[in-house]
């Protein structure tokens, strides 16, 4: 009888231990499911960030290309501006020479 009572006590301890292990495994499964959901969310955020980064890189490349073209055009405009200024100054010089020549012919040559 002592064995039976002791054996029953051992069975209840085994059942309690089994229930504790089952409960622990259930909590572990829930924790792993939560971690899996969090990892999945993190992967989605990383994918979204990667797509945003790729888009930003493409836009930056486009802007860099356009800035290079703008720089080239501004340089060309600067060269044309210098050339226009030189032609204008040459035209003013020729005009002044013509005016002086006419004044010389009409005034200076008649007086002297």
C-alpha atoms as a PDB file:
ATOM      1  CA  UNK A   1       0.000   0.000   0.000  1.00  0.00           C
ATOM      2  CA  UNK A   2       2.764   2.386   0.675  1.00  0.00           C
ATOM      3  CA  UNK A   3       4.081   1.658  -2.736  1.00  0.00           C
ATOM      4  CA  UNK A   4       0.718   2.296  -4.318  1.00  0.00           C
ATOM      5  CA  UNK A   5       0.346   5.526  -2.444  1.00  0.00           C
ATOM      6  CA  UNK A   6       3.916   6.438  -3.229  1.00  0.00           C
ATOM      7  CA  UNK A   7       3.448   5.341  -6.819  1.00  0.00           C
ATOM      8  CA  UNK A   8       0.347   7.495  -7.127  1.00  0.00           C
ATOM      9  CA  UNK A   9       2.256  10.400  -5.736  1.00  0.00           C
ATOM     10  CA  UNK A  10       4.967   9.829  -8.332  1.00  0.00           C
ATOM     11  CA  UNK A  11       2.373   9.728 -11.105  1.00  0.00           C
ATOM     12  CA  UNK A  12       0.888  13.015  -9.967  1.00  0.00           C
ATOM     13  CA  UNK A  13       4.385  14.536  -9.863  1.00  0.00           C
ATOM     14  CA  UNK A  14       5.011  13.210 -13.358  1.00  0.00           C
ATOM     15  CA  UNK A  15       1.687  14.672 -14.524  1.00  0.00           C
ATOM     16  CA  UNK A  16       2.509  18.004 -12.883  1.00  0.00           C
ATOM     17  CA  UNK A  17       5.966  17.997 -14.492  1.00  0.00           C
ATOM     18  CA  UNK A  18       4.428  17.048 -17.820  1.00  0.00           C
ATOM     19  CA  UNK A  19       1.883  19.868 -17.503  1.00  0.00           C
ATOM     20  CA  UNK A  20       4.678  22.310 -16.603  1.00  0.00           C
ATOM     21  CA  UNK A  21       6.713  21.195 -19.613  1.00  0.00           C
ATOM     22  CA  UNK A  22       3.650  21.464 -21.868  1.00  0.00           C
ATOM     23  CA  UNK A  23       2.903  24.933 -20.527  1.00  0.00           C
ATOM     24  CA  UNK A  24       6.536  25.954 -20.999  1.00  0.00           C
ATOM     25  CA  UNK A  25       6.533  24.607 -24.564  1.00  0.00           C
ATOM     26  CA  UNK A  26       3.279  26.466 -25.268  1.00  0.00           C
ATOM     27  CA  UNK A  27       4.812  29.740 -24.011  1.00  0.00           C
ATOM     28  CA  UNK A  28       7.930  29.030 -26.072  1.00  0.00           C
ATOM     29  CA  UNK A  29       5.792  28.445 -29.153  1.00  0.00           C
ATOM     30  CA  UNK A  30       3.940  31.726 -28.549  1.00  0.00           C
ATOM     31  CA  UNK A  31       7.225  33.568 -28.052  1.00  0.00           C
ATOM     32  CA  UNK A  32       8.647  32.059 -31.246  1.00  0.00           C
ATOM     33  CA  UNK A  33       5.476  32.984 -33.162  1.00  0.00           C
ATOM     34  CA  UNK A  34       5.786  36.578 -31.876  1.00  0.00           C
ATOM     35  CA  UNK A  35       9.473  36.678 -32.864  1.00  0.00           C
ATOM     36  CA  UNK A  36       8.621  35.271 -36.289  1.00  0.00           C
ATOM     37  CA  UNK A  37       5.972  37.977 -36.782  1.00  0.00           C
ATOM     38  CA  UNK A  38       8.438  40.631 -35.665  1.00  0.00           C
ATOM     39  CA  UNK A  39      11.114  39.237 -38.006  1.00  0.00           C
ATOM     40  CA  UNK A  40       8.618  39.228 -40.851  1.00  0.00           C
ATOM     41  CA  UNK A  41       7.733  42.849 -40.108  1.00  0.00           C
ATOM     42  CA  UNK A  42      11.425  43.753 -39.963  1.00  0.00           C
ATOM     43  CA  UNK A  43      12.002  42.063 -43.330  1.00  0.00           C
ATOM     44  CA  UNK A  44       9.130  44.064 -44.851  1.00  0.00           C
ATOM     45  CA  UNK A  45      10.537  47.304 -43.419  1.00  0.00           C
ATOM     46  CA  UNK A  46      13.992  46.423 -44.786  1.00  0.00           C
ATOM     47  CA  UNK A  47      12.543  45.662 -48.216  1.00  0.00           C
ATOM     48  CA  UNK A  48      10.647  48.956 -48.192  1.00  0.00           C
ATOM     49  CA  UNK A  49      13.784  50.809 -47.105  1.00  0.00           C
ATOM     50  CA  UNK A  50      15.806  49.102 -49.838  1.00  0.00           C
ATOM     51  CA  UNK A  51      13.251  50.130 -52.451  1.00  0.00           C
ATOM     52  CA  UNK A  52      13.282  53.698 -51.146  1.00  0.00           C
ATOM     53  CA  UNK A  53      17.068  53.732 -51.197  1.00  0.00           C
ATOM     54  CA  UNK A  54      17.174  52.415 -54.769  1.00  0.00           C
ATOM     55  CA  UNK A  55      14.648  55.040 -55.850  1.00  0.00           C
ATOM     56  CA  UNK A  56      16.638  57.767 -54.119  1.00  0.00           C
ATOM     57  CA  UNK A  57      19.832  56.558 -55.797  1.00  0.00           C
ATOM     58  CA  UNK A  58      18.139  56.675 -59.201  1.00  0.00           C
ATOM     59  CA  UNK A  59      16.824  60.194 -58.555  1.00  0.00           C
ATOM     60  CA  UNK A  60      20.263  61.305 -57.367  1.00  0.00           C
ATOM     61  CA  UNK A  61      21.843  59.922 -60.532  1.00  0.00           C
ATOM     62  CA  UNK A  62      19.266  61.752 -62.642  1.00  0.00           C
ATOM     63  CA  UNK A  63      19.858  65.007 -60.759  1.00  0.00           C
ATOM     64  CA  UNK A  64      23.633  64.576 -61.085  1.00  0.00           C
ATOM     65  CA  UNK A  65      23.280  64.088 -64.827  1.00  0.00           C
ATOM     66  CA  UNK A  66      21.072  67.159 -65.146  1.00  0.00           C
ATOM     67  CA  UNK A  67      23.473  69.234 -63.052  1.00  0.00           C
ATOM     68  CA  UNK A  68      26.314  68.223 -65.374  1.00  0.00           C
ATOM     69  CA  UNK A  69      24.295  69.326 -68.397  1.00  0.00           C
ATOM     70  CA  UNK A  70      23.356  72.593 -66.676  1.00  0.00           C
ATOM     71  CA  UNK A  71      27.008  73.258 -65.854  1.00  0.00           C
ATOM     72  CA  UNK A  72      27.962  72.671 -69.465  1.00  0.00           C
ATOM     73  CA  UNK A  73      25.218  74.990 -70.701  1.00  0.00           C
ATOM     74  CA  UNK A  74      26.176  77.723 -68.236  1.00  0.00           C
ATOM     75  CA  UNK A  75      29.792  77.472 -69.333  1.00  0.00           C
ATOM     76  CA  UNK A  76      28.720  77.785 -72.963  1.00  0.00           C
ATOM     77  CA  UNK A  77      26.475  80.754 -72.131  1.00  0.00           C
ATOM     78  CA  UNK A  78      29.387  82.378 -70.287  1.00  0.00           C
ATOM     79  CA  UNK A  79      31.593  81.938 -73.353  1.00  0.00           C
ATOM     80  CA  UNK A  80      28.884  83.356 -75.603  1.00  0.00           C
ATOM     81  CA  UNK A  81      28.397  86.265 -73.206  1.00  0.00           C
ATOM     82  CA  UNK A  82      32.104  87.096 -73.382  1.00  0.00           C
ATOM     83  CA  UNK A  83      32.050  86.876 -77.176  1.00  0.00           C
ATOM     84  CA  UNK A  84      28.945  89.104 -77.355  1.00  0.00           C
ATOM     85  CA  UNK A  85      30.632  91.670 -75.103  1.00  0.00           C
ATOM     86  CA  UNK A  86      33.756  91.657 -77.288  1.00  0.00           C
ATOM     87  CA  UNK A  87      31.707  92.127 -80.477  1.00  0.00           C
ATOM     88  CA  UNK A  88      29.699  94.944 -78.855  1.00  0.00           C
ATOM     89  CA  UNK A  89      32.850  96.739 -77.732  1.00  0.00           C
ATOM     90  CA  UNK A  90      34.356  96.332 -81.202  1.00  0.00           C
ATOM     91  CA  UNK A  91      31.153  97.768 -82.713  1.00  0.00           C
ATOM     92  CA  UNK A  92      31.259 100.758 -80.337  1.00  0.00           C
ATOM     93  CA  UNK A  93      34.922 101.318 -81.214  1.00  0.00           C
ATOM     94  CA  UNK A  94      34.206 101.203 -84.977  1.00  0.00           C
ATOM     95  CA  UNK A  95      31.204 103.530 -84.495  1.00  0.00           C
ATOM     96  CA  UNK A  96      33.350 105.987 -82.532  1.00  0.00           C
ATOM     97  CA  UNK A  97      36.018 105.848 -85.256  1.00  0.00           C
ATOM     98  CA  UNK A  98      33.414 106.574 -87.955  1.00  0.00           C
ATOM     99  CA  UNK A  99      32.034 109.524 -85.948  1.00  0.00           C
ATOM    100  CA  UNK A 100      35.542 110.909 -85.451  1.00  0.00           C
ATOM    101  CA  UNK A 101      36.305 110.444 -89.155  1.00  0.00           C
ATOM    102  CA  UNK A 102      33.121 112.304 -90.174  1.00  0.00           C
ATOM    103  CA  UNK A 103      33.846 115.130 -87.723  1.00  0.00           C
ATOM    104  CA  UNK A 104      37.413 115.345 -89.000  1.00  0.00           C
ATOM    105  CA  UNK A 105      36.193 115.585 -92.626  1.00  0.00           C
ATOM    106  CA  UNK A 106      33.507 118.163 -91.929  1.00  0.00           C
ATOM    107  CA  UNK A 107      35.130 120.313 -89.295  1.00  0.00           C
ATOM    108  CA  UNK A 108      38.866 119.845 -89.140  1.00  0.00           C
ATOM    109  CA  UNK A 109      39.560 119.595 -92.914  1.00  0.00           C
ATOM    110  CA  UNK A 110      37.462 122.708 -93.712  1.00  0.00           C
ATOM    111  CA  UNK A 111      39.059 124.809 -90.997  1.00  0.00           C
ATOM    112  CA  UNK A 112      42.664 123.856 -91.741  1.00  0.00           C
END
